[in-house]
Amino acid sequence: IDGYKNWDVVIKQERLSDIFAPSNVVYLCAESENLLDTFDEEKVYVIGGFVDHNAHKGLAYERALAAGFQHARLPIDKYFSLATRKVLTVCHVFEIISIFTSPTAGLKQLRKLFQKERVWRL
């Protein structure tokens, strides 16, 4: 992905809960026990990495629970093993979502992405 300017995102000033019903929001966070197998076009997906820093581990998950939002984690460990913690950068998550939602993408593209990173064991 060539920078954030190419991302398909919408920035709003309002609170998420003022725009979308909690049942339509899914926080993506490493701490969730829910494995995300498919993306629902009717849902809004929030990348937890916007607030999860090492000093704030689990903050996105806690915010999702407090707001009554759904939460899930990407099925990365279904295909790959991480050498470190299962927390990804926002750019990685966005690229993974792009791969998962592309009709022509698949495991081969994920492998190509993860081979660039030293933290992944294939």
PDB file of N, CA and C in Angstrom:
ATOM      1  N   ILE A   1       0.864  -1.179   0.000  1.00  0.00           N
ATOM      2  CA  ILE A   1       0.000   0.000   0.000  1.00  0.00           C
ATOM      3  C   ILE A   1       0.897   1.224   0.000  1.00  0.00           C
ATOM      4  N   ASP A   2       0.638   2.102  -0.921  1.00  0.00           N
ATOM      5  CA  ASP A   2       1.490   3.256  -1.118  1.00  0.00           C
ATOM      6  C   ASP A   2       1.014   4.438  -0.289  1.00  0.00           C
ATOM      7  N   GLY A   3       1.060   4.319   1.028  1.00  0.00           N
ATOM      8  CA  GLY A   3       0.719   5.434   1.888  1.00  0.00           C
ATOM      9  C   GLY A   3      -0.754   5.579   2.160  1.00  0.00           C
ATOM     10  N   TYR A   4      -1.051   6.300   3.206  1.00  0.00           N
ATOM     11  CA  TYR A   4      -2.424   6.460   3.671  1.00  0.00           C
ATOM     12  C   TYR A   4      -3.323   7.197   2.691  1.00  0.00           C
ATOM     13  N   LYS A   5      -2.773   7.994   1.797  1.00  0.00           N
ATOM     14  CA  LYS A   5      -3.608   8.752   0.859  1.00  0.00           C
ATOM     15  C   LYS A   5      -4.370   7.842  -0.100  1.00  0.00           C
ATOM     16  N   ASN A   6      -3.896   6.606  -0.245  1.00  0.00           N
ATOM     17  CA  ASN A   6      -4.569   5.648  -1.117  1.00  0.00           C
ATOM     18  C   ASN A   6      -5.570   4.775  -0.368  1.00  0.00           C
ATOM     19  N   TRP A   7      -5.676   4.960   0.913  1.00  0.00           N
ATOM     20  CA  TRP A   7      -6.585   4.134   1.706  1.00  0.00           C
ATOM     21  C   TRP A   7      -8.027   4.564   1.467  1.00  0.00           C
ATOM     22  N   ASP A   8      -8.929   3.614   1.518  1.00  0.00           N
ATOM     23  CA  ASP A   8     -10.359   3.881   1.383  1.00  0.00           C
ATOM     24  C   ASP A   8     -10.937   4.081   2.779  1.00  0.00           C
ATOM     25  N   VAL A   9     -10.711   5.274   3.335  1.00  0.00           N
ATOM     26  CA  VAL A   9     -11.171   5.579   4.687  1.00  0.00           C
ATOM     27  C   VAL A   9     -11.961   6.881   4.689  1.00  0.00           C
ATOM     28  N   VAL A  10     -12.803   7.002   5.692  1.00  0.00           N
ATOM     29  CA  VAL A  10     -13.580   8.219   5.887  1.00  0.00           C
ATOM     30  C   VAL A  10     -13.283   8.716   7.299  1.00  0.00           C
ATOM     31  N   ILE A  11     -12.925   9.966   7.415  1.00  0.00           N
ATOM     32  CA  ILE A  11     -12.616  10.549   8.727  1.00  0.00           C
ATOM     33  C   ILE A  11     -13.773  11.431   9.148  1.00  0.00           C
ATOM     34  N   LYS A  12     -14.271  11.177  10.341  1.00  0.00           N
ATOM     35  CA  LYS A  12     -15.400  11.929  10.886  1.00  0.00           C
ATOM     36  C   LYS A  12     -15.016  12.523  12.238  1.00  0.00           C
ATOM     37  N   GLN A  13     -15.675  13.594  12.613  1.00  0.00           N
ATOM     38  CA  GLN A  13     -15.450  14.210  13.912  1.00  0.00           C
ATOM     39  C   GLN A  13     -16.343  13.610  15.003  1.00  0.00           C
ATOM     40  N   GLU A  14     -17.478  13.049  14.585  1.00  0.00           N
ATOM     41  CA  GLU A  14     -18.425  12.488  15.551  1.00  0.00           C
ATOM     42  C   GLU A  14     -17.871  11.204  16.166  1.00  0.00           C
ATOM     43  N   ARG A  15     -18.449  10.856  17.317  1.00  0.00           N
ATOM     44  CA  ARG A  15     -18.090   9.599  17.970  1.00  0.00           C
ATOM     45  C   ARG A  15     -18.640   8.441  17.145  1.00  0.00           C
ATOM     46  N   LEU A  16     -17.952   7.361  17.150  1.00  0.00           N
ATOM     47  CA  LEU A  16     -18.359   6.173  16.401  1.00  0.00           C
ATOM     48  C   LEU A  16     -19.755   5.721  16.803  1.00  0.00           C
ATOM     49  N   SER A  17     -20.039   5.760  18.087  1.00  0.00           N
ATOM     50  CA  SER A  17     -21.342   5.321  18.592  1.00  0.00           C
ATOM     51  C   SER A  17     -22.477   6.270  18.207  1.00  0.00           C
ATOM     52  N   ASP A  18     -22.145   7.496  17.795  1.00  0.00           N
ATOM     53  CA  ASP A  18     -23.167   8.432  17.328  1.00  0.00           C
ATOM     54  C   ASP A  18     -23.506   8.211  15.853  1.00  0.00           C
ATOM     55  N   ILE A  19     -22.645   7.529  15.139  1.00  0.00           N
ATOM     56  CA  ILE A  19     -22.829   7.317  13.708  1.00  0.00           C
ATOM     57  C   ILE A  19     -23.357   5.915  13.397  1.00  0.00           C
ATOM     58  N   PHE A  20     -22.850   4.922  14.131  1.00  0.00           N
ATOM     59  CA  PHE A  20     -23.193   3.523  13.848  1.00  0.00           C
ATOM     60  C   PHE A  20     -23.738   2.824  15.086  1.00  0.00           C
ATOM     61  N   ALA A  21     -24.668   1.927  14.874  1.00  0.00           N
ATOM     62  CA  ALA A  21     -25.182   1.090  15.962  1.00  0.00           C
ATOM     63  C   ALA A  21     -24.077   0.138  16.410  1.00  0.00           C
ATOM     64  N   PRO A  22     -23.968  -0.133  17.709  1.00  0.00           N
ATOM     65  CA  PRO A  22     -22.922  -1.048  18.195  1.00  0.00           C
ATOM     66  C   PRO A  22     -22.924  -2.405  17.483  1.00  0.00           C
ATOM     67  N   SER A  23     -24.073  -2.866  17.066  1.00  0.00           N
ATOM     68  CA  SER A  23     -24.150  -4.165  16.383  1.00  0.00           C
ATOM     69  C   SER A  23     -23.514  -4.144  14.990  1.00  0.00           C
ATOM     70  N   ASN A  24     -23.237  -2.941  14.475  1.00  0.00           N
ATOM     71  CA  ASN A  24     -22.624  -2.811  13.147  1.00  0.00           C
ATOM     72  C   ASN A  24     -21.134  -2.489  13.198  1.00  0.00           C
ATOM     73  N   VAL A  25     -20.583  -2.438  14.404  1.00  0.00           N
ATOM     74  CA  VAL A  25     -19.172  -2.077  14.566  1.00  0.00           C
ATOM     75  C   VAL A  25     -18.385  -3.287  15.070  1.00  0.00           C
ATOM     76  N   VAL A  26     -17.257  -3.545  14.413  1.00  0.00           N
ATOM     77  CA  VAL A  26     -16.369  -4.631  14.832  1.00  0.00           C
ATOM     78  C   VAL A  26     -14.974  -4.050  15.047  1.00  0.00           C
ATOM     79  N   TYR A  27     -14.505  -4.071  16.285  1.00  0.00           N
ATOM     80  CA  TYR A  27     -13.139  -3.648  16.605  1.00  0.00           C
ATOM     81  C   TYR A  27     -12.206  -4.807  16.291  1.00  0.00           C
ATOM     82  N   LEU A  28     -11.169  -4.564  15.515  1.00  0.00           N
ATOM     83  CA  LEU A  28     -10.155  -5.569  15.252  1.00  0.00           C
ATOM     84  C   LEU A  28      -9.045  -5.395  16.284  1.00  0.00           C
ATOM     85  N   CYS A  29      -8.852  -6.403  17.101  1.00  0.00           N
ATOM     86  CA  CYS A  29      -7.840  -6.321  18.152  1.00  0.00           C
ATOM     87  C   CYS A  29      -7.283  -7.706  18.460  1.00  0.00           C
ATOM     88  N   ALA A  30      -6.001  -7.743  18.743  1.00  0.00           N
ATOM     89  CA  ALA A  30      -5.291  -9.006  18.961  1.00  0.00           C
ATOM     90  C   ALA A  30      -5.817  -9.781  20.164  1.00  0.00           C
ATOM     91  N   GLU A  31      -6.392  -9.097  21.135  1.00  0.00           N
ATOM     92  CA  GLU A  31      -6.837  -9.753  22.366  1.00  0.00           C
ATOM     93  C   GLU A  31      -8.178 -10.470  22.232  1.00  0.00           C
ATOM     94  N   SER A  32      -8.894 -10.236  21.161  1.00  0.00           N
ATOM     95  CA  SER A  32     -10.215 -10.840  20.999  1.00  0.00           C
ATOM     96  C   SER A  32     -10.108 -12.348  20.838  1.00  0.00           C
ATOM     97  N   GLU A  33     -11.058 -13.053  21.424  1.00  0.00           N
ATOM     98  CA  GLU A  33     -11.133 -14.502  21.253  1.00  0.00           C
ATOM     99  C   GLU A  33     -11.925 -14.878  19.996  1.00  0.00           C
ATOM    100  N   ASN A  34     -12.559 -13.886  19.366  1.00  0.00           N
ATOM    101  CA  ASN A  34     -13.366 -14.121  18.156  1.00  0.00           C
ATOM    102  C   ASN A  34     -12.491 -14.068  16.918  1.00  0.00           C
ATOM    103  N   LEU A  35     -12.510 -15.141  16.154  1.00  0.00           N
ATOM    104  CA  LEU A  35     -11.734 -15.218  14.923  1.00  0.00           C
ATOM    105  C   LEU A  35     -12.575 -14.720  13.759  1.00  0.00           C
ATOM    106  N   LEU A  36     -12.064 -13.750  13.007  1.00  0.00           N
ATOM    107  CA  LEU A  36     -12.781 -13.175  11.879  1.00  0.00           C
ATOM    108  C   LEU A  36     -12.478 -13.987  10.618  1.00  0.00           C
ATOM    109  N   ASP A  37     -13.481 -14.716  10.138  1.00  0.00           N
ATOM    110  CA  ASP A  37     -13.288 -15.548   8.950  1.00  0.00           C
ATOM    111  C   ASP A  37     -13.683 -14.833   7.664  1.00  0.00           C
ATOM    112  N   THR A  38     -14.690 -13.977   7.740  1.00  0.00           N
ATOM    113  CA  THR A  38     -15.157 -13.242   6.562  1.00  0.00           C
ATOM    114  C   THR A  38     -15.483 -11.809   6.965  1.00  0.00           C
ATOM    115  N   PHE A  39     -15.476 -10.934   5.967  1.00  0.00           N
ATOM    116  CA  PHE A  39     -15.849  -9.547   6.195  1.00  0.00           C
ATOM    117  C   PHE A  39     -17.270  -9.337   5.714  1.00  0.00           C
ATOM    118  N   ASP A  40     -18.064  -8.672   6.527  1.00  0.00           N
ATOM    119  CA  ASP A  40     -19.448  -8.360   6.210  1.00  0.00           C
ATOM    120  C   ASP A  40     -19.491  -6.921   5.714  1.00  0.00           C
ATOM    121  N   GLU A  41     -19.965  -6.699   4.508  1.00  0.00           N
ATOM    122  CA  GLU A  41     -19.993  -5.358   3.922  1.00  0.00           C
ATOM    123  C   GLU A  41     -20.905  -4.402   4.675  1.00  0.00           C
ATOM    124  N   GLU A  42     -21.786  -4.934   5.506  1.00  0.00           N
ATOM    125  CA  GLU A  42     -22.694  -4.098   6.284  1.00  0.00           C
ATOM    126  C   GLU A  42     -22.055  -3.601   7.588  1.00  0.00           C
ATOM    127  N   LYS A  43     -20.901  -4.153   7.937  1.00  0.00           N
ATOM    128  CA  LYS A  43     -20.228  -3.804   9.190  1.00  0.00           C
ATOM    129  C   LYS A  43     -19.160  -2.749   8.960  1.00  0.00           C
ATOM    130  N   VAL A  44     -18.836  -2.045  10.035  1.00  0.00           N
ATOM    131  CA  VAL A  44     -17.745  -1.076  10.053  1.00  0.00           C
ATOM    132  C   VAL A  44     -16.631  -1.704  10.884  1.00  0.00           C
ATOM    133  N   TYR A  45     -15.431  -1.780  10.321  1.00  0.00           N
ATOM    134  CA  TYR A  45     -14.305  -2.399  11.006  1.00  0.00           C
ATOM    135  C   TYR A  45     -13.350  -1.322  11.505  1.00  0.00           C
ATOM    136  N   VAL A  46     -13.027  -1.393  12.781  1.00  0.00           N
ATOM    137  CA  VAL A  46     -12.141  -0.422  13.419  1.00  0.00           C
ATOM    138  C   VAL A  46     -10.815  -1.117  13.685  1.00  0.00           C
ATOM    139  N   ILE A  47      -9.739  -0.536  13.185  1.00  0.00           N
ATOM    140  CA  ILE A  47      -8.413  -1.103  13.422  1.00  0.00           C
ATOM    141  C   ILE A  47      -7.945  -0.638  14.788  1.00  0.00           C
ATOM    142  N   GLY A  48      -7.803  -1.587  15.689  1.00  0.00           N
ATOM    143  CA  GLY A  48      -7.432  -1.287  17.075  1.00  0.00           C
ATOM    144  C   GLY A  48      -6.070  -0.660  17.226  1.00  0.00           C
ATOM    145  N   GLY A  49      -5.207  -0.828  16.227  1.00  0.00           N
ATOM    146  CA  GLY A  49      -3.861  -0.288  16.287  1.00  0.00           C
ATOM    147  C   GLY A  49      -3.799   1.221  16.420  1.00  0.00           C
ATOM    148  N   PHE A  50      -4.906   1.906  16.110  1.00  0.00           N
ATOM    149  CA  PHE A  50      -4.904   3.361  16.251  1.00  0.00           C
ATOM    150  C   PHE A  50      -4.706   3.780  17.703  1.00  0.00           C
ATOM    151  N   VAL A  51      -5.051   2.916  18.644  1.00  0.00           N
ATOM    152  CA  VAL A  51      -4.906   3.270  20.057  1.00  0.00           C
ATOM    153  C   VAL A  51      -4.016   2.310  20.814  1.00  0.00           C
ATOM    154  N   ASP A  52      -3.675   1.162  20.237  1.00  0.00           N
ATOM    155  CA  ASP A  52      -2.856   0.180  20.937  1.00  0.00           C
ATOM    156  C   ASP A  52      -1.377   0.449  20.728  1.00  0.00           C
ATOM    157  N   HIS A  53      -0.759   0.942  21.748  1.00  0.00           N
ATOM    158  CA  HIS A  53       0.686   1.100  21.773  1.00  0.00           C
ATOM    159  C   HIS A  53       1.167   0.181  22.885  1.00  0.00           C
ATOM    160  N   ASN A  54       2.443  -0.089  22.951  1.00  0.00           N
ATOM    161  CA  ASN A  54       2.940  -0.973  24.001  1.00  0.00           C
ATOM    162  C   ASN A  54       2.529  -0.516  25.393  1.00  0.00           C
ATOM    163  N   ALA A  55       2.454   0.787  25.599  1.00  0.00           N
ATOM    164  CA  ALA A  55       2.074   1.310  26.905  1.00  0.00           C
ATOM    165  C   ALA A  55       0.579   1.161  27.171  1.00  0.00           C
ATOM    166  N   HIS A  56      -0.216   0.894  26.122  1.00  0.00           N
ATOM    167  CA  HIS A  56      -1.673   0.794  26.255  1.00  0.00           C
ATOM    168  C   HIS A  56      -2.181  -0.542  25.735  1.00  0.00           C
ATOM    169  N   LYS A  57      -1.471  -1.613  26.034  1.00  0.00           N
ATOM    170  CA  LYS A  57      -1.842  -2.939  25.545  1.00  0.00           C
ATOM    171  C   LYS A  57      -3.279  -3.271  25.943  1.00  0.00           C
ATOM    172  N   GLY A  58      -4.075  -3.704  24.956  1.00  0.00           N
ATOM    173  CA  GLY A  58      -5.451  -4.107  25.223  1.00  0.00           C
ATOM    174  C   GLY A  58      -6.458  -2.979  25.269  1.00  0.00           C
ATOM    175  N   LEU A  59      -6.043  -1.757  25.009  1.00  0.00           N
ATOM    176  CA  LEU A  59      -6.944  -0.605  25.110  1.00  0.00           C
ATOM    177  C   LEU A  59      -8.091  -0.688  24.099  1.00  0.00           C
ATOM    178  N   ALA A  60      -7.811  -1.079  22.863  1.00  0.00           N
ATOM    179  CA  ALA A  60      -8.878  -1.187  21.858  1.00  0.00           C
ATOM    180  C   ALA A  60      -9.902  -2.237  22.276  1.00  0.00           C
ATOM    181  N   TYR A  61      -9.438  -3.361  22.777  1.00  0.00           N
ATOM    182  CA  TYR A  61     -10.335  -4.427  23.238  1.00  0.00           C
ATOM    183  C   TYR A  61     -11.213  -3.926  24.393  1.00  0.00           C
ATOM    184  N   GLU A  62     -10.607  -3.242  25.341  1.00  0.00           N
ATOM    185  CA  GLU A  62     -11.366  -2.691  26.472  1.00  0.00           C
ATOM    186  C   GLU A  62     -12.387  -1.658  26.009  1.00  0.00           C
ATOM    187  N   ARG A  63     -12.020  -0.816  25.061  1.00  0.00           N
ATOM    188  CA  ARG A  63     -12.949   0.189  24.525  1.00  0.00           C
ATOM    189  C   ARG A  63     -14.118  -0.476  23.800  1.00  0.00           C
ATOM    190  N   ALA A  64     -13.819  -1.530  23.045  1.00  0.00           N
ATOM    191  CA  ALA A  64     -14.882  -2.249  22.338  1.00  0.00           C
ATOM    192  C   ALA A  64     -15.871  -2.845  23.335  1.00  0.00           C
ATOM    193  N   LEU A  65     -15.372  -3.474  24.384  1.00  0.00           N
ATOM    194  CA  LEU A  65     -16.245  -4.062  25.401  1.00  0.00           C
ATOM    195  C   LEU A  65     -17.080  -2.995  26.104  1.00  0.00           C
ATOM    196  N   ALA A  66     -16.440  -1.896  26.486  1.00  0.00           N
ATOM    197  CA  ALA A  66     -17.134  -0.832  27.207  1.00  0.00           C
ATOM    198  C   ALA A  66     -18.241  -0.196  26.368  1.00  0.00           C
ATOM    199  N   ALA A  67     -18.021  -0.083  25.061  1.00  0.00           N
ATOM    200  CA  ALA A  67     -19.006   0.556  24.177  1.00  0.00           C
ATOM    201  C   ALA A  67     -20.061  -0.421  23.667  1.00  0.00           C
ATOM    202  N   GLY A  68     -19.880  -1.710  23.939  1.00  0.00           N
ATOM    203  CA  GLY A  68     -20.830  -2.701  23.457  1.00  0.00           C
ATOM    204  C   GLY A  68     -20.623  -3.062  21.994  1.00  0.00           C
ATOM    205  N   PHE A  69     -19.433  -2.750  21.458  1.00  0.00           N
ATOM    206  CA  PHE A  69     -19.113  -3.089  20.084  1.00  0.00           C
ATOM    207  C   PHE A  69     -18.677  -4.548  19.999  1.00  0.00           C
ATOM    208  N   GLN A  70     -18.850  -5.127  18.821  1.00  0.00           N
ATOM    209  CA  GLN A  70     -18.302  -6.453  18.578  1.00  0.00           C
ATOM    210  C   GLN A  70     -16.785  -6.328  18.454  1.00  0.00           C
ATOM    211  N   HIS A  71     -16.099  -7.450  18.590  1.00  0.00           N
ATOM    212  CA  HIS A  71     -14.651  -7.444  18.436  1.00  0.00           C
ATOM    213  C   HIS A  71     -14.222  -8.762  17.809  1.00  0.00           C
ATOM    214  N   ALA A  72     -13.081  -8.731  17.128  1.00  0.00           N
ATOM    215  CA  ALA A  72     -12.560  -9.927  16.478  1.00  0.00           C
ATOM    216  C   ALA A  72     -11.082  -9.715  16.179  1.00  0.00           C
ATOM    217  N   ARG A  73     -10.420 -10.819  15.899  1.00  0.00           N
ATOM    218  CA  ARG A  73      -9.022 -10.742  15.464  1.00  0.00           C
ATOM    219  C   ARG A  73      -8.910 -11.402  14.097  1.00  0.00           C
ATOM    220  N   LEU A  74      -7.936 -10.949  13.334  1.00  0.00           N
ATOM    221  CA  LEU A  74      -7.701 -11.528  12.020  1.00  0.00           C
ATOM    222  C   LEU A  74      -7.195 -12.961  12.174  1.00  0.00           C
ATOM    223  N   PRO A  75      -7.504 -13.839  11.227  1.00  0.00           N
ATOM    224  CA  PRO A  75      -7.116 -15.254  11.358  1.00  0.00           C
ATOM    225  C   PRO A  75      -5.668 -15.534  10.954  1.00  0.00           C
ATOM    226  N   ILE A  76      -4.780 -14.647  11.321  1.00  0.00           N
ATOM    227  CA  ILE A  76      -3.385 -14.771  10.921  1.00  0.00           C
ATOM    228  C   ILE A  76      -2.763 -16.053  11.456  1.00  0.00           C
ATOM    229  N   ASP A  77      -2.987 -16.351  12.738  1.00  0.00           N
ATOM    230  CA  ASP A  77      -2.353 -17.529  13.336  1.00  0.00           C
ATOM    231  C   ASP A  77      -2.929 -18.843  12.814  1.00  0.00           C
ATOM    232  N   LYS A  78      -3.970 -18.756  12.018  1.00  0.00           N
ATOM    233  CA  LYS A  78      -4.513 -19.937  11.353  1.00  0.00           C
ATOM    234  C   LYS A  78      -3.562 -20.384  10.229  1.00  0.00           C
ATOM    235  N   TYR A  79      -2.800 -19.440   9.683  1.00  0.00           N
ATOM    236  CA  TYR A  79      -1.918 -19.711   8.554  1.00  0.00           C
ATOM    237  C   TYR A  79      -0.437 -19.519   8.869  1.00  0.00           C
ATOM    238  N   PHE A  80      -0.128 -18.657   9.836  1.00  0.00           N
ATOM    239  CA  PHE A  80       1.258 -18.300  10.138  1.00  0.00           C
ATOM    240  C   PHE A  80       1.473 -18.282  11.644  1.00  0.00           C
ATOM    241  N   SER A  81       2.741 -18.348  12.042  1.00  0.00           N
ATOM    242  CA  SER A  81       3.106 -18.207  13.450  1.00  0.00           C
ATOM    243  C   SER A  81       3.899 -16.923  13.607  1.00  0.00           C
ATOM    244  N   LEU A  82       3.572 -16.186  14.633  1.00  0.00           N
ATOM    245  CA  LEU A  82       4.318 -14.971  14.934  1.00  0.00           C
ATOM    246  C   LEU A  82       5.463 -15.313  15.873  1.00  0.00           C
ATOM    247  N   ALA A  83       6.613 -14.731  15.628  1.00  0.00           N
ATOM    248  CA  ALA A  83       7.750 -14.939  16.512  1.00  0.00           C
ATOM    249  C   ALA A  83       7.631 -14.076  17.761  1.00  0.00           C
ATOM    250  N   THR A  84       6.765 -13.073  17.709  1.00  0.00           N
ATOM    251  CA  THR A  84       6.587 -12.160  18.839  1.00  0.00           C
ATOM    252  C   THR A  84       5.104 -12.028  19.149  1.00  0.00           C
ATOM    253  N   ARG A  85       4.742 -10.984  19.870  1.00  0.00           N
ATOM    254  CA  ARG A  85       3.344 -10.692  20.182  1.00  0.00           C
ATOM    255  C   ARG A  85       2.489 -10.591  18.932  1.00  0.00           C
ATOM    256  N   LYS A  86       1.198 -10.886  19.039  1.00  0.00           N
ATOM    257  CA  LYS A  86       0.304 -10.879  17.880  1.00  0.00           C
ATOM    258  C   LYS A  86      -0.293  -9.501  17.610  1.00  0.00           C
ATOM    259  N   VAL A  87       0.516  -8.479  17.709  1.00  0.00           N
ATOM    260  CA  VAL A  87       0.057  -7.120  17.448  1.00  0.00           C
ATOM    261  C   VAL A  87       0.723  -6.636  16.171  1.00  0.00           C
ATOM    262  N   LEU A  88      -0.087  -6.096  15.271  1.00  0.00           N
ATOM    263  CA  LEU A  88       0.395  -5.645  13.973  1.00  0.00           C
ATOM    264  C   LEU A  88       0.283  -4.136  13.865  1.00  0.00           C
ATOM    265  N   THR A  89       1.035  -3.557  12.953  1.00  0.00           N
ATOM    266  CA  THR A  89       0.909  -2.127  12.705  1.00  0.00           C
ATOM    267  C   THR A  89      -0.392  -1.871  11.935  1.00  0.00           C
ATOM    268  N   VAL A  90      -0.847  -0.644  11.961  1.00  0.00           N
ATOM    269  CA  VAL A  90      -2.044  -0.263  11.226  1.00  0.00           C
ATOM    270  C   VAL A  90      -1.858  -0.561   9.739  1.00  0.00           C
ATOM    271  N   CYS A  91      -0.687  -0.267   9.206  1.00  0.00           N
ATOM    272  CA  CYS A  91      -0.419  -0.523   7.788  1.00  0.00           C
ATOM    273  C   CYS A  91      -0.529  -2.007   7.471  1.00  0.00           C
ATOM    274  N   HIS A  92       0.026  -2.859   8.334  1.00  0.00           N
ATOM    275  CA  HIS A  92      -0.083  -4.298   8.109  1.00  0.00           C
ATOM    276  C   HIS A  92      -1.542  -4.744   8.127  1.00  0.00           C
ATOM    277  N   VAL A  93      -2.294  -4.285   9.100  1.00  0.00           N
ATOM    278  CA  VAL A  93      -3.698  -4.686   9.204  1.00  0.00           C
ATOM    279  C   VAL A  93      -4.468  -4.237   7.970  1.00  0.00           C
ATOM    280  N   PHE A  94      -4.249  -3.013   7.546  1.00  0.00           N
ATOM    281  CA  PHE A  94      -4.956  -2.508   6.374  1.00  0.00           C
ATOM    282  C   PHE A  94      -4.598  -3.325   5.132  1.00  0.00           C
ATOM    283  N   GLU A  95      -3.332  -3.657   4.973  1.00  0.00           N
ATOM    284  CA  GLU A  95      -2.914  -4.448   3.822  1.00  0.00           C
ATOM    285  C   GLU A  95      -3.501  -5.863   3.890  1.00  0.00           C
ATOM    286  N   ILE A  96      -3.543  -6.452   5.069  1.00  0.00           N
ATOM    287  CA  ILE A  96      -4.126  -7.776   5.243  1.00  0.00           C
ATOM    288  C   ILE A  96      -5.619  -7.749   4.905  1.00  0.00           C
ATOM    289  N   ILE A  97      -6.321  -6.716   5.367  1.00  0.00           N
ATOM    290  CA  ILE A  97      -7.744  -6.585   5.044  1.00  0.00           C
ATOM    291  C   ILE A  97      -7.922  -6.466   3.530  1.00  0.00           C
ATOM    292  N   SER A  98      -7.057  -5.694   2.892  1.00  0.00           N
ATOM    293  CA  SER A  98      -7.129  -5.554   1.433  1.00  0.00           C
ATOM    294  C   SER A  98      -6.962  -6.900   0.745  1.00  0.00           C
ATOM    295  N   ILE A  99      -6.051  -7.709   1.251  1.00  0.00           N
ATOM    296  CA  ILE A  99      -5.831  -9.040   0.672  1.00  0.00           C
ATOM    297  C   ILE A  99      -7.035  -9.939   0.923  1.00  0.00           C
ATOM    298  N   PHE A 100      -7.542  -9.950   2.155  1.00  0.00           N
ATOM    299  CA  PHE A 100      -8.671 -10.817   2.496  1.00  0.00           C
ATOM    300  C   PHE A 100      -9.943 -10.452   1.731  1.00  0.00           C
ATOM    301  N   THR A 101     -10.116  -9.191   1.419  1.00  0.00           N
ATOM    302  CA  THR A 101     -11.355  -8.766   0.767  1.00  0.00           C
ATOM    303  C   THR A 101     -11.244  -8.715  -0.757  1.00  0.00           C
ATOM    304  N   SER A 102     -10.088  -8.967  -1.286  1.00  0.00           N
ATOM    305  CA  SER A 102      -9.898  -8.982  -2.731  1.00  0.00           C
ATOM    306  C   SER A 102     -10.379 -10.316  -3.298  1.00  0.00           C
ATOM    307  N   PRO A 103     -11.172 -10.274  -4.366  1.00  0.00           N
ATOM    308  CA  PRO A 103     -11.665 -11.526  -4.945  1.00  0.00           C
ATOM    309  C   PRO A 103     -10.560 -12.378  -5.571  1.00  0.00           C
ATOM    310  N   THR A 104      -9.426 -11.774  -5.914  1.00  0.00           N
ATOM    311  CA  THR A 104      -8.349 -12.520  -6.556  1.00  0.00           C
ATOM    312  C   THR A 104      -7.201 -12.837  -5.604  1.00  0.00           C
ATOM    313  N   ALA A 105      -7.255 -12.318  -4.395  1.00  0.00           N
ATOM    314  CA  ALA A 105      -6.157 -12.511  -3.448  1.00  0.00           C
ATOM    315  C   ALA A 105      -6.304 -13.832  -2.713  1.00  0.00           C
ATOM    316  N   GLY A 106      -5.271 -14.190  -2.031  1.00  0.00           N
ATOM    317  CA  GLY A 106      -5.326 -15.419  -1.271  1.00  0.00           C
ATOM    318  C   GLY A 106      -4.099 -15.609  -0.425  1.00  0.00           C
ATOM    319  N   LEU A 107      -3.923 -16.832   0.010  1.00  0.00           N
ATOM    320  CA  LEU A 107      -2.827 -17.187   0.896  1.00  0.00           C
ATOM    321  C   LEU A 107      -1.468 -16.861   0.284  1.00  0.00           C
ATOM    322  N   LYS A 108      -1.347 -16.995  -1.023  1.00  0.00           N
ATOM    323  CA  LYS A 108      -0.079 -16.706  -1.700  1.00  0.00           C
ATOM    324  C   LYS A 108       0.341 -15.254  -1.478  1.00  0.00           C
ATOM    325  N   GLN A 109      -0.623 -14.327  -1.570  1.00  0.00           N
ATOM    326  CA  GLN A 109      -0.310 -12.911  -1.356  1.00  0.00           C
ATOM    327  C   GLN A 109       0.027 -12.636   0.104  1.00  0.00           C
ATOM    328  N   LEU A 110      -0.648 -13.320   1.020  1.00  0.00           N
ATOM    329  CA  LEU A 110      -0.311 -13.164   2.435  1.00  0.00           C
ATOM    330  C   LEU A 110       1.114 -13.636   2.696  1.00  0.00           C
ATOM    331  N   ARG A 111       1.462 -14.773   2.125  1.00  0.00           N
ATOM    332  CA  ARG A 111       2.825 -15.284   2.293  1.00  0.00           C
ATOM    333  C   ARG A 111       3.853 -14.275   1.772  1.00  0.00           C
ATOM    334  N   LYS A 112       3.566 -13.678   0.627  1.00  0.00           N
ATOM    335  CA  LYS A 112       4.471 -12.693   0.043  1.00  0.00           C
ATOM    336  C   LYS A 112       4.631 -11.494   0.987  1.00  0.00           C
ATOM    337  N   LEU A 113       3.532 -11.032   1.549  1.00  0.00           N
ATOM    338  CA  LEU A 113       3.579  -9.911   2.493  1.00  0.00           C
ATOM    339  C   LEU A 113       4.395 -10.275   3.726  1.00  0.00           C
ATOM    340  N   PHE A 114       4.148 -11.451   4.292  1.00  0.00           N
ATOM    341  CA  PHE A 114       4.787 -11.818   5.548  1.00  0.00           C
ATOM    342  C   PHE A 114       6.246 -12.225   5.379  1.00  0.00           C
ATOM    343  N   GLN A 115       6.629 -12.636   4.187  1.00  0.00           N
ATOM    344  CA  GLN A 115       8.028 -12.983   3.971  1.00  0.00           C
ATOM    345  C   GLN A 115       8.934 -11.763   4.082  1.00  0.00           C
ATOM    346  N   LYS A 116       8.359 -10.579   3.901  1.00  0.00           N
ATOM    347  CA  LYS A 116       9.126  -9.340   4.041  1.00  0.00           C
ATOM    348  C   LYS A 116       9.457  -9.058   5.510  1.00  0.00           C
ATOM    349  N   GLU A 117       8.659  -9.613   6.408  1.00  0.00           N
ATOM    350  CA  GLU A 117       8.778  -9.304   7.830  1.00  0.00           C
ATOM    351  C   GLU A 117       9.540 -10.403   8.554  1.00  0.00           C
ATOM    352  N   ARG A 118      10.467 -10.042   9.360  1.00  0.00           N
ATOM    353  CA  ARG A 118      11.263 -11.032  10.085  1.00  0.00           C
ATOM    354  C   ARG A 118      10.552 -11.626  11.276  1.00  0.00           C
ATOM    355  N   VAL A 119       9.460 -11.032  11.695  1.00  0.00           N
ATOM    356  CA  VAL A 119       8.746 -11.534  12.875  1.00  0.00           C
ATOM    357  C   VAL A 119       7.853 -12.724  12.561  1.00  0.00           C
ATOM    358  N   TRP A 120       7.703 -13.068  11.271  1.00  0.00           N
ATOM    359  CA  TRP A 120       6.804 -14.143  10.864  1.00  0.00           C
ATOM    360  C   TRP A 120       7.566 -15.423  10.598  1.00  0.00           C
ATOM    361  N   ARG A 121       7.001 -16.523  11.067  1.00  0.00           N
ATOM    362  CA  ARG A 121       7.489 -17.850  10.713  1.00  0.00           C
ATOM    363  C   ARG A 121       6.434 -18.493   9.846  1.00  0.00           C
ATOM    364  N   LEU A 122       6.756 -18.875   8.635  1.00  0.00           N
ATOM    365  CA  LEU A 122       5.782 -19.449   7.708  1.00  0.00           C
ATOM    366  C   LEU A 122       5.668 -20.934   7.917  1.00  0.00           C
TER     367      LEU A 122
END
